[in-house]
């Protein structure tokens, strides 16, 4: 969705819409954090409502190299589950199919909560098979 890369054919737009995006208010999200999303293609359906995207990913270096000069910034994930952001800084956080890859999920969930603005939104989707 955001360029020619092997991830631009994102297959879960309908799933994300039905179980998450359709419940969000119609507003501009100024500061969005997406966890483990490569090129942030999962945000394609609401891209026109996002001012800034930060991607936290273990392979951030690879994706950042291919996205230079874009509206997306990349931060390398820490295996401890700690996230390098201040309190209450994101008005939307998305995490789709990522939690089961994180060794310290409890710590990570606490960090997500800490970084979410009051009145902010967190959308988490995990495989259930």
Protein backbone atom coordinates (compact mmCIF):
# COMPACT_ATOMS: atom_id res chain seq x y z
CA UNK A 1 0.00 0.00 0.00
CA UNK A 2 2.86 2.41 0.74
CA UNK A 3 5.24 1.60 -2.03
CA UNK A 4 6.50 -1.33 -3.99
CA UNK A 5 7.65 -3.89 -1.47
CA UNK A 6 6.93 -7.52 -0.73
CA UNK A 7 4.51 -6.52 2.06
CA UNK A 8 2.25 -4.14 0.13
CA UNK A 9 -0.34 -6.84 -0.60
CA UNK A 10 -1.69 -6.86 2.97
CA UNK A 11 -4.40 -9.55 3.29
CA UNK A 12 -6.07 -8.55 6.58
CA UNK A 13 -7.66 -5.17 5.81
CA UNK A 14 -11.21 -6.55 6.10
CA UNK A 15 -10.42 -8.32 9.38
CA UNK A 16 -8.84 -5.17 10.84
CA UNK A 17 -11.82 -3.10 9.77
CA UNK A 18 -14.49 -5.46 11.12
CA UNK A 19 -12.87 -6.01 14.52
CA UNK A 20 -11.10 -2.72 15.09
CA UNK A 21 -11.04 0.28 12.77
CA UNK A 22 -14.82 0.59 12.39
CA UNK A 23 -15.08 1.23 16.15
CA UNK A 24 -12.65 4.15 16.10
CA UNK A 25 -14.05 7.68 16.12
CA UNK A 26 -13.90 9.69 12.91
CA UNK A 27 -10.98 11.93 13.82
CA UNK A 28 -7.35 12.58 13.00
CA UNK A 29 -4.91 10.49 15.02
CA UNK A 30 -1.85 12.67 15.52
CA UNK A 31 0.59 10.11 16.87
CA UNK A 32 0.11 6.41 16.06
CA UNK A 33 2.30 3.54 17.24
CA UNK A 34 2.15 0.29 15.29
CA UNK A 35 3.92 -2.75 16.64
CA UNK A 36 5.70 -5.23 14.40
CA UNK A 37 4.09 -4.03 11.17
CA UNK A 38 6.97 -3.73 8.71
CA UNK A 39 5.84 -1.03 6.27
CA UNK A 40 2.64 -0.16 8.21
CA UNK A 41 0.42 -1.51 5.43
CA UNK A 42 -2.11 -2.61 8.07
CA UNK A 43 -2.99 1.06 8.58
CA UNK A 44 -3.97 1.55 4.94
CA UNK A 45 -7.71 1.81 5.62
CA UNK A 46 -7.25 4.71 8.03
CA UNK A 47 -4.09 6.28 6.59
CA UNK A 48 -5.93 9.46 5.62
CA UNK A 49 -6.74 9.94 9.33
CA UNK A 50 -3.15 9.62 10.61
CA UNK A 51 -0.63 12.45 10.92
CA UNK A 52 2.38 10.46 12.09
CA UNK A 53 3.22 6.75 12.40
CA UNK A 54 5.93 5.25 14.57
CA UNK A 55 6.72 1.59 13.94
CA UNK A 56 8.27 -0.48 16.72
CA UNK A 57 9.72 -3.58 15.08
CA UNK A 58 12.61 -5.97 15.70
CA UNK A 59 13.68 -5.52 12.05
CA UNK A 60 13.29 -1.73 12.07
CA UNK A 61 16.62 -1.19 10.29
CA UNK A 62 15.50 -3.20 7.25
CA UNK A 63 12.18 -1.38 6.87
CA UNK A 64 13.54 2.09 7.59
CA UNK A 65 16.11 1.68 4.81
CA UNK A 66 13.31 1.12 2.28
CA UNK A 67 11.12 3.93 3.64
CA UNK A 68 13.50 6.88 3.78
CA UNK A 69 11.79 10.23 3.64
CA UNK A 70 8.36 8.82 4.41
CA UNK A 71 5.83 9.76 7.10
CA UNK A 72 6.82 6.65 9.08
CA UNK A 73 9.60 6.56 11.66
CA UNK A 74 11.13 3.29 12.87
CA UNK A 75 12.38 2.24 16.30
CA UNK A 76 14.03 -1.11 16.99
CA UNK A 77 12.09 -3.20 19.53
CA UNK A 78 13.72 -4.18 22.81
CA UNK A 79 13.38 -7.90 23.73
CA UNK A 80 12.79 -6.90 27.38
CA UNK A 81 9.36 -5.52 26.46
CA UNK A 82 10.26 -1.95 27.41
CA UNK A 83 9.36 0.72 24.89
CA UNK A 84 11.39 3.94 24.51
CA UNK A 85 8.51 6.41 24.57
CA UNK A 86 7.22 8.88 27.13
CA UNK A 87 3.99 8.41 29.04
CA UNK A 88 0.72 9.27 27.29
CA UNK A 89 2.25 10.00 23.89
CA UNK A 90 0.13 7.95 21.42
CA UNK A 91 -3.53 8.47 20.63
CA UNK A 92 -3.72 5.12 18.79
CA UNK A 93 -1.66 1.95 19.19
CA UNK A 94 -2.11 -1.07 16.94
CA UNK A 95 -0.69 -4.53 17.45
CA UNK A 96 -1.77 -7.16 14.93
CA UNK A 97 -0.35 -10.65 15.24
CA UNK A 98 2.70 -9.52 17.17
CA UNK A 99 2.22 -10.33 20.85
CA UNK A 100 2.90 -14.04 20.46
CA UNK A 101 6.43 -13.14 19.28
CA UNK A 102 7.25 -11.12 22.40
CA UNK A 103 9.04 -12.93 25.24
CA UNK A 104 7.74 -10.67 28.02
CA UNK A 105 4.11 -9.99 27.09
CA UNK A 106 2.99 -8.80 30.54
CA UNK A 107 5.69 -6.13 30.63
CA UNK A 108 4.90 -5.15 27.06
CA UNK A 109 1.16 -4.70 27.76
CA UNK A 110 2.00 -2.47 30.73
CA UNK A 111 4.26 -0.40 28.49
CA UNK A 112 1.54 -0.04 25.86
CA UNK A 113 -0.86 1.16 28.56
CA UNK A 114 1.73 3.64 29.84
CA UNK A 115 2.28 5.11 26.37
CA UNK A 116 -1.40 5.46 25.45
CA UNK A 117 -2.92 8.90 25.92
CA UNK A 118 -5.91 9.28 28.12
CA UNK A 119 -8.90 8.90 25.75
CA UNK A 120 -6.56 7.00 23.37
CA UNK A 121 -7.23 3.69 21.66
CA UNK A 122 -5.39 0.37 21.55
CA UNK A 123 -6.28 -2.28 18.96
CA UNK A 124 -4.79 -5.75 19.51
CA UNK A 125 -5.41 -8.72 17.24
CA UNK A 126 -3.81 -12.13 17.72
CA UNK A 127 -4.20 -15.42 15.87
CA UNK A 128 -6.53 -17.84 17.65
CA UNK A 129 -5.90 -21.05 15.72
